[in-house]
Amino acid sequence: MGSGPTYLSGWITAFCAWNEDGQWIGNKPGKELSENEYAMELSLDGTRYHWLDSSKIPAGYASVDVKLDDNGEIFNTIMVSGLVGMRVFSSNDNKLSENGSRDAVKPLPGWWIFTKRDGHLHGRGNEEEQKTMEGLRVRL
């Protein structure tokens, strides 16, 4: 275990209002946090934010089943989309860092689609299915 707290707090928790099952995990709507509820007040512009244990940070992506019709050939696929990483970039601002180089990060959105794995096939499926999918990828 590293140093520092095991929770998030402050404005960043505004992006963690629901868990992966769609259940609300933020402040209860209409309920203000009292100053005595936590050891310190965490607020920005008068809005108080909840604390969130680091182990309960919700995923930043979602998936949906998609039936892909490739000229009459149907594929059962899954599309995944969300914030899948981060990109380091240079602000070019010497006030933010010594040289303004590689001193900031921003979220990296992405999406992909892939065929569902057939439960009775070992690995990705049979060789014929793999060739069909490789051909489909080339056309996309």
Protein backbone atom coordinates (compact mmCIF):
# COMPACT_ATOMS: atom_id res chain seq x y z
CA MET A 1 0.00 0.00 0.00
CA GLY A 2 1.34 3.42 -0.96
CA SER A 3 1.22 6.67 0.91
CA GLY A 4 -1.72 9.04 0.87
CA PRO A 5 -5.44 8.52 1.27
CA THR A 6 -7.39 5.54 -0.08
CA TYR A 7 -10.27 7.72 -1.24
CA LEU A 8 -11.16 10.45 -3.73
CA SER A 9 -12.70 13.70 -2.61
CA GLY A 10 -13.53 17.10 -4.01
CA TRP A 11 -14.73 18.03 -7.51
CA ILE A 12 -13.40 14.85 -9.16
CA THR A 13 -16.11 12.82 -7.41
CA ALA A 14 -18.74 14.73 -9.43
CA PHE A 15 -17.75 12.33 -12.25
CA CYS A 16 -18.38 9.32 -9.99
CA ALA A 17 -22.07 9.71 -9.22
CA TRP A 18 -23.18 6.21 -10.39
CA ASN A 19 -21.61 2.78 -10.10
CA GLU A 20 -21.39 0.22 -12.94
CA ASP A 21 -24.92 -1.00 -12.14
CA GLY A 22 -26.40 2.50 -12.50
CA GLN A 23 -26.93 2.95 -8.76
CA TRP A 24 -26.41 6.44 -7.33
CA ILE A 25 -23.27 6.58 -5.16
CA GLY A 26 -22.95 10.35 -4.77
CA ASN A 27 -24.66 12.63 -2.30
CA LYS A 28 -28.33 11.83 -2.03
CA PRO A 29 -30.23 14.29 -4.29
CA GLY A 30 -31.38 17.31 -2.30
CA LYS A 31 -29.21 16.41 0.72
CA GLU A 32 -26.50 18.85 1.68
CA LEU A 33 -23.47 17.46 3.50
CA SER A 34 -23.11 18.93 6.95
CA GLU A 35 -19.75 20.40 7.88
CA ASN A 36 -19.42 17.89 10.74
CA GLU A 37 -20.04 14.86 8.52
CA TYR A 38 -16.36 14.72 7.51
CA ALA A 39 -13.15 15.93 9.06
CA MET A 40 -12.80 18.67 6.44
CA GLU A 41 -15.18 20.51 4.16
CA LEU A 42 -14.62 19.61 0.51
CA SER A 43 -16.38 22.18 -1.64
CA LEU A 44 -15.96 24.27 -4.75
CA ASP A 45 -18.06 27.39 -5.35
CA GLY A 46 -20.35 26.40 -2.48
CA THR A 47 -20.97 22.84 -3.72
CA ARG A 48 -19.87 20.08 -1.36
CA TYR A 49 -18.66 16.81 -2.84
CA HIS A 50 -18.78 13.28 -1.48
CA TRP A 51 -15.87 11.02 -0.61
CA LEU A 52 -15.37 7.83 -2.58
CA ASP A 53 -13.22 4.87 -1.60
CA SER A 54 -10.65 4.26 -4.35
CA SER A 55 -11.79 0.64 -4.67
CA LYS A 56 -15.28 1.85 -5.66
CA ILE A 57 -14.34 4.15 -8.54
CA PRO A 58 -16.73 3.26 -11.38
CA ALA A 59 -15.46 2.22 -14.79
CA GLY A 60 -15.19 4.99 -17.35
CA TYR A 61 -16.59 2.91 -20.18
CA ALA A 62 -19.76 1.14 -21.26
CA SER A 63 -20.57 -1.74 -23.59
CA VAL A 64 -23.57 -2.68 -25.69
CA ASP A 65 -24.50 -5.72 -27.76
CA VAL A 66 -24.63 -5.01 -31.50
CA LYS A 67 -25.88 -7.23 -34.33
CA LEU A 68 -23.63 -6.39 -37.27
CA ASP A 69 -25.09 -7.08 -40.71
CA ASP A 70 -22.32 -7.37 -43.31
CA ASN A 71 -24.29 -7.73 -46.57
CA GLY A 72 -26.60 -10.32 -45.06
CA GLU A 73 -24.01 -12.08 -42.89
CA ILE A 74 -24.90 -11.45 -39.23
CA PHE A 75 -22.24 -11.16 -36.54
CA ASN A 76 -22.98 -10.94 -32.80
CA THR A 77 -20.65 -8.23 -31.58
CA ILE A 78 -20.03 -5.97 -28.61
CA MET A 79 -19.20 -2.27 -28.88
CA VAL A 80 -17.16 -0.75 -26.05
CA SER A 81 -16.73 2.99 -25.66
CA GLY A 82 -15.43 5.33 -23.02
CA LEU A 83 -12.37 6.87 -21.47
CA VAL A 84 -9.76 4.21 -22.04
CA GLY A 85 -6.55 6.02 -21.15
CA MET A 86 -4.81 9.34 -20.92
CA ARG A 87 -2.64 11.41 -23.22
CA VAL A 88 0.31 13.39 -21.89
CA PHE A 89 0.79 16.70 -23.67
CA SER A 90 2.70 19.96 -23.37
CA SER A 91 0.87 23.04 -22.12
CA ASN A 92 3.66 25.31 -23.44
CA ASP A 93 2.94 27.45 -20.39
CA ASN A 94 6.04 28.29 -18.35
CA LYS A 95 3.79 29.47 -15.51
CA LEU A 96 2.45 25.93 -15.01
CA SER A 97 5.80 24.15 -15.17
CA GLU A 98 9.47 24.91 -15.60
CA ASN A 99 9.54 24.41 -19.37
CA GLY A 100 5.88 23.83 -20.31
CA SER A 101 6.76 20.43 -21.76
CA ARG A 102 4.83 17.19 -21.11
CA ASP A 103 3.25 18.74 -18.02
CA ALA A 104 -0.45 18.03 -18.50
CA VAL A 105 -2.77 15.10 -19.15
CA LYS A 106 -6.17 14.75 -20.76
CA PRO A 107 -8.58 11.85 -21.05
CA LEU A 108 -8.30 9.63 -24.10
CA PRO A 109 -11.70 8.54 -25.41
CA GLY A 110 -11.91 5.49 -27.60
CA TRP A 111 -14.22 2.81 -28.94
CA TRP A 112 -13.94 -0.60 -30.52
CA ILE A 113 -16.17 -3.38 -31.70
CA PHE A 114 -15.45 -7.10 -31.66
CA THR A 115 -17.24 -10.39 -32.17
CA LYS A 116 -18.55 -12.25 -29.18
CA ARG A 117 -16.71 -15.36 -28.23
CA ASP A 118 -18.74 -18.51 -28.76
CA GLY A 119 -18.84 -20.48 -25.50
CA HIS A 120 -18.30 -23.86 -27.14
CA LEU A 121 -15.33 -22.75 -29.28
CA HIS A 122 -11.82 -22.83 -27.82
CA GLY A 123 -10.04 -19.50 -28.07
CA ARG A 124 -11.35 -17.11 -30.73
CA GLY A 125 -13.19 -19.69 -32.78
CA ASN A 126 -12.40 -21.89 -35.73
CA GLU A 127 -10.04 -20.95 -38.54
CA GLU A 128 -12.87 -20.25 -40.99
CA GLU A 129 -14.50 -17.77 -38.61
CA GLN A 130 -11.16 -16.01 -38.06
CA LYS A 131 -10.64 -15.59 -41.84
CA THR A 132 -14.18 -14.20 -42.19
CA MET A 133 -13.58 -11.70 -39.41
CA GLU A 134 -10.20 -10.66 -40.84
CA GLY A 135 -11.95 -9.95 -44.15
CA LEU A 136 -14.60 -7.92 -42.34
CA ARG A 137 -11.95 -5.87 -40.52
CA VAL A 138 -10.29 -5.04 -43.84
CA ARG A 139 -13.62 -3.76 -45.24
CA LEU A 140 -14.32 -1.62 -42.17
